[in-house]
PDB file of N, CA and C in Angstrom:
ATOM      1  N   PHE A   1       0.836  -1.205   0.000  1.00  0.00           N
ATOM      2  CA  PHE A   1       0.000   0.000   0.000  1.00  0.00           C
ATOM      3  C   PHE A   1       0.881   1.270   0.000  1.00  0.00           C
ATOM      4  N   VAL A   2       2.026   1.173   0.643  1.00  0.00           N
ATOM      5  CA  VAL A   2       2.915   2.339   0.697  1.00  0.00           C
ATOM      6  C   VAL A   2       3.370   2.727  -0.706  1.00  0.00           C
ATOM      7  N   ALA A   3       3.790   1.733  -1.483  1.00  0.00           N
ATOM      8  CA  ALA A   3       4.252   2.010  -2.844  1.00  0.00           C
ATOM      9  C   ALA A   3       3.114   2.596  -3.672  1.00  0.00           C
ATOM     10  N   TYR A   4       1.900   2.082  -3.480  1.00  0.00           N
ATOM     11  CA  TYR A   4       0.739   2.574  -4.220  1.00  0.00           C
ATOM     12  C   TYR A   4       0.454   4.020  -3.857  1.00  0.00           C
ATOM     13  N   THR A   5       0.570   4.354  -2.582  1.00  0.00           N
ATOM     14  CA  THR A   5       0.332   5.725  -2.136  1.00  0.00           C
ATOM     15  C   THR A   5       1.383   6.662  -2.720  1.00  0.00           C
ATOM     16  N   ASP A   6       2.634   6.213  -2.719  1.00  0.00           N
ATOM     17  CA  ASP A   6       3.713   7.023  -3.296  1.00  0.00           C
ATOM     18  C   ASP A   6       3.440   7.265  -4.772  1.00  0.00           C
ATOM     19  N   LEU A   7       2.935   6.247  -5.462  1.00  0.00           N
ATOM     20  CA  LEU A   7       2.628   6.384  -6.889  1.00  0.00           C
ATOM     21  C   LEU A   7       1.539   7.425  -7.094  1.00  0.00           C
ATOM     22  N   LEU A   8       0.508   7.382  -6.251  1.00  0.00           N
ATOM     23  CA  LEU A   8      -0.573   8.368  -6.361  1.00  0.00           C
ATOM     24  C   LEU A   8      -0.041   9.778  -6.144  1.00  0.00           C
ATOM     25  N   LEU A   9       0.835   9.927  -5.154  1.00  0.00           N
ATOM     26  CA  LEU A   9       1.417  11.248  -4.886  1.00  0.00           C
ATOM     27  C   LEU A   9       2.230  11.718  -6.083  1.00  0.00           C
ATOM     28  N   LEU A  10       2.976  10.815  -6.692  1.00  0.00           N
ATOM     29  CA  LEU A  10       3.767  11.173  -7.876  1.00  0.00           C
ATOM     30  C   LEU A  10       2.849  11.609  -9.006  1.00  0.00           C
ATOM     31  N   LEU A  11       1.746  10.893  -9.193  1.00  0.00           N
ATOM     32  CA  LEU A  11       0.804  11.236 -10.262  1.00  0.00           C
ATOM     33  C   LEU A  11       0.187  12.604 -10.008  1.00  0.00           C
ATOM     34  N   CYS A  12      -0.136  12.879  -8.754  1.00  0.00           N
ATOM     35  CA  CYS A  12      -0.725  14.177  -8.411  1.00  0.00           C
ATOM     36  C   CYS A  12       0.269  15.292  -8.692  1.00  0.00           C
ATOM     37  N   ASP A  13       1.519  15.099  -8.291  1.00  0.00           N
ATOM     38  CA  ASP A  13       2.552  16.109  -8.530  1.00  0.00           C
ATOM     39  C   ASP A  13       2.757  16.309 -10.023  1.00  0.00           C
ATOM     40  N   ALA A  14       2.782  15.211 -10.782  1.00  0.00           N
ATOM     41  CA  ALA A  14       2.983  15.295 -12.226  1.00  0.00           C
ATOM     42  C   ALA A  14       1.817  16.038 -12.876  1.00  0.00           C
ATOM     43  N   ASP A  15       0.605  15.792 -12.401  1.00  0.00           N
ATOM     44  CA  ASP A  15      -0.584  16.443 -12.958  1.00  0.00           C
ATOM     45  C   ASP A  15      -0.522  17.948 -12.720  1.00  0.00           C
ATOM     46  N   GLU A  16      -0.110  18.337 -11.519  1.00  0.00           N
ATOM     47  CA  GLU A  16      -0.004  19.769 -11.201  1.00  0.00           C
ATOM     48  C   GLU A  16       1.081  20.417 -12.055  1.00  0.00           C
ATOM     49  N   ALA A  17       2.217  19.741 -12.191  1.00  0.00           N
ATOM     50  CA  ALA A  17       3.322  20.270 -12.996  1.00  0.00           C
ATOM     51  C   ALA A  17       2.879  20.392 -14.459  1.00  0.00           C
ATOM     52  N   TRP A  18       2.136  19.414 -14.936  1.00  0.00           N
ATOM     53  CA  TRP A  18       1.640  19.423 -16.314  1.00  0.00           C
ATOM     54  C   TRP A  18       0.732  20.631 -16.522  1.00  0.00           C
ATOM     55  N   ASP A  19      -0.188  20.855 -15.599  1.00  0.00           N
ATOM     56  CA  ASP A  19      -1.119  21.990 -15.709  1.00  0.00           C
ATOM     57  C   ASP A  19      -0.359  23.309 -15.707  1.00  0.00           C
ATOM     58  N   LEU A  20       0.623  23.430 -14.803  1.00  0.00           N
ATOM     59  CA  LEU A  20       1.401  24.663 -14.715  1.00  0.00           C
ATOM     60  C   LEU A  20       2.216  24.876 -15.989  1.00  0.00           C
ATOM     61  N   HIS A  21       2.759  23.801 -16.530  1.00  0.00           N
ATOM     62  CA  HIS A  21       3.611  23.905 -17.712  1.00  0.00           C
ATOM     63  C   HIS A  21       2.834  24.415 -18.919  1.00  0.00           C
ATOM     64  N   PHE A  22       1.571  24.001 -19.029  1.00  0.00           N
ATOM     65  CA  PHE A  22       0.779  24.366 -20.202  1.00  0.00           C
ATOM     66  C   PHE A  22      -0.180  25.519 -19.934  1.00  0.00           C
ATOM     67  N   GLU A  23      -0.055  26.131 -18.746  1.00  0.00           N
ATOM     68  CA  GLU A  23      -0.912  27.270 -18.454  1.00  0.00           C
ATOM     69  C   GLU A  23      -0.504  28.462 -19.312  1.00  0.00           C
ATOM     70  N   THR A  24      -1.486  29.184 -19.826  1.00  0.00           N
ATOM     71  CA  THR A  24      -1.167  30.342 -20.681  1.00  0.00           C
ATOM     72  C   THR A  24      -1.806  31.590 -20.116  1.00  0.00           C
TER      73      THR A  24
END
């Protein structure tokens, strides 16, 4: 479960970074 939680956190961070990167 720990690895799964870490993966979710990584996905959340990546999603935020993606949104910021393409924000205009």
